[in-house]
């Protein structure tokens, strides 16, 4: 659970970045996750741990992209402040 909570900011940042870049691959990932969310919510009534397991590889990849982007942004902003 702790790992999932740590990954959430990175996932949201990566999704926002991919939406801004307007690349087909990014839109495909966003649509795929949105479709999974809708299907699981409609047919199972929730987005629980059991359903999240199927999307974990995508979530971990997005978290890595998001946290990497945050770290790069933090390093750039730190260089200008010194």
Protein backbone atom coordinates (compact mmCIF):
# COMPACT_ATOMS: atom_id res chain seq x y z
CA UNK A 1 0.00 0.00 0.00
CA UNK A 2 2.82 2.40 0.82
CA UNK A 3 4.44 1.80 -2.58
CA UNK A 4 1.12 2.54 -4.29
CA UNK A 5 0.75 5.82 -2.38
CA UNK A 6 4.30 6.85 -3.29
CA UNK A 7 3.63 6.07 -6.97
CA UNK A 8 0.43 8.12 -7.26
CA UNK A 9 2.00 11.60 -7.71
CA UNK A 10 4.33 10.25 -10.39
CA UNK A 11 1.45 8.59 -12.20
CA UNK A 12 -0.61 11.79 -12.29
CA UNK A 13 2.35 13.89 -13.43
CA UNK A 14 3.18 11.43 -16.22
CA UNK A 15 -0.44 11.36 -17.39
CA UNK A 16 -0.54 15.17 -17.50
CA UNK A 17 2.76 15.29 -19.38
CA UNK A 18 1.62 12.75 -21.94
CA UNK A 19 -1.63 14.64 -22.50
CA UNK A 20 0.34 17.85 -23.11
CA UNK A 21 2.79 16.19 -25.52
CA UNK A 22 -0.07 14.93 -27.69
CA UNK A 23 1.73 11.83 -28.88
CA UNK A 24 -0.29 8.83 -30.06
CA UNK A 25 1.38 6.47 -27.59
CA UNK A 26 0.55 8.71 -24.66
CA UNK A 27 -3.07 9.02 -25.70
CA UNK A 28 -3.28 5.26 -26.12
CA UNK A 29 -2.04 4.69 -22.56
CA UNK A 30 -4.45 7.28 -21.16
CA UNK A 31 -7.38 5.80 -23.09
CA UNK A 32 -6.42 2.26 -22.05
CA UNK A 33 -6.30 3.18 -18.36
CA UNK A 34 -9.54 5.14 -18.67
CA UNK A 35 -11.25 2.20 -20.34
CA UNK A 36 -10.01 -0.16 -17.63
CA UNK A 37 -11.28 2.18 -14.93
CA UNK A 38 -14.70 2.47 -16.55
CA UNK A 39 -15.07 -1.26 -17.23
CA UNK A 40 -13.99 -2.35 -13.76
CA UNK A 41 -16.12 0.30 -12.08
CA UNK A 42 -19.24 -0.61 -14.07
CA UNK A 43 -18.92 -4.39 -13.91
CA UNK A 44 -17.27 -4.85 -10.51
CA UNK A 45 -18.50 -1.71 -8.77
CA UNK A 46 -15.03 -0.60 -7.68
CA UNK A 47 -11.38 -0.21 -8.62
CA UNK A 48 -9.87 -2.42 -5.93
CA UNK A 49 -6.51 -4.08 -5.45
CA UNK A 50 -7.53 -7.12 -7.46
CA UNK A 51 -8.28 -4.99 -10.52
CA UNK A 52 -5.28 -2.74 -10.00
CA UNK A 53 -2.92 -5.73 -10.28
CA UNK A 54 -3.65 -6.01 -14.01
CA UNK A 55 -2.59 -2.42 -14.59
CA UNK A 56 0.44 -2.40 -12.26
CA UNK A 57 3.07 -2.60 -15.03
CA UNK A 58 1.59 0.48 -16.67
CA UNK A 59 1.24 2.27 -13.34
CA UNK A 60 4.85 1.57 -12.35
CA UNK A 61 6.09 2.76 -15.75
CA UNK A 62 4.09 5.96 -15.48
CA UNK A 63 5.29 6.50 -11.92
CA UNK A 64 8.90 6.15 -13.05
CA UNK A 65 8.35 8.65 -15.88
CA UNK A 66 6.60 11.09 -13.55
CA UNK A 67 9.15 10.91 -10.75
CA UNK A 68 12.00 11.19 -13.25
CA UNK A 69 10.41 14.34 -14.69
CA UNK A 70 9.93 15.78 -11.22
CA UNK A 71 13.54 15.09 -10.33
CA UNK A 72 14.79 16.71 -13.56
CA UNK A 73 12.59 19.76 -12.96
CA UNK A 74 13.85 20.01 -9.38
CA UNK A 75 17.49 19.86 -10.53
CA UNK A 76 16.93 22.57 -13.15
CA UNK A 77 15.18 24.87 -10.70
CA UNK A 78 17.94 24.30 -8.15
CA UNK A 79 20.67 25.30 -10.64
CA UNK A 80 19.01 28.63 -11.27
CA UNK A 81 18.69 29.40 -7.57
CA UNK A 82 22.37 28.87 -6.78
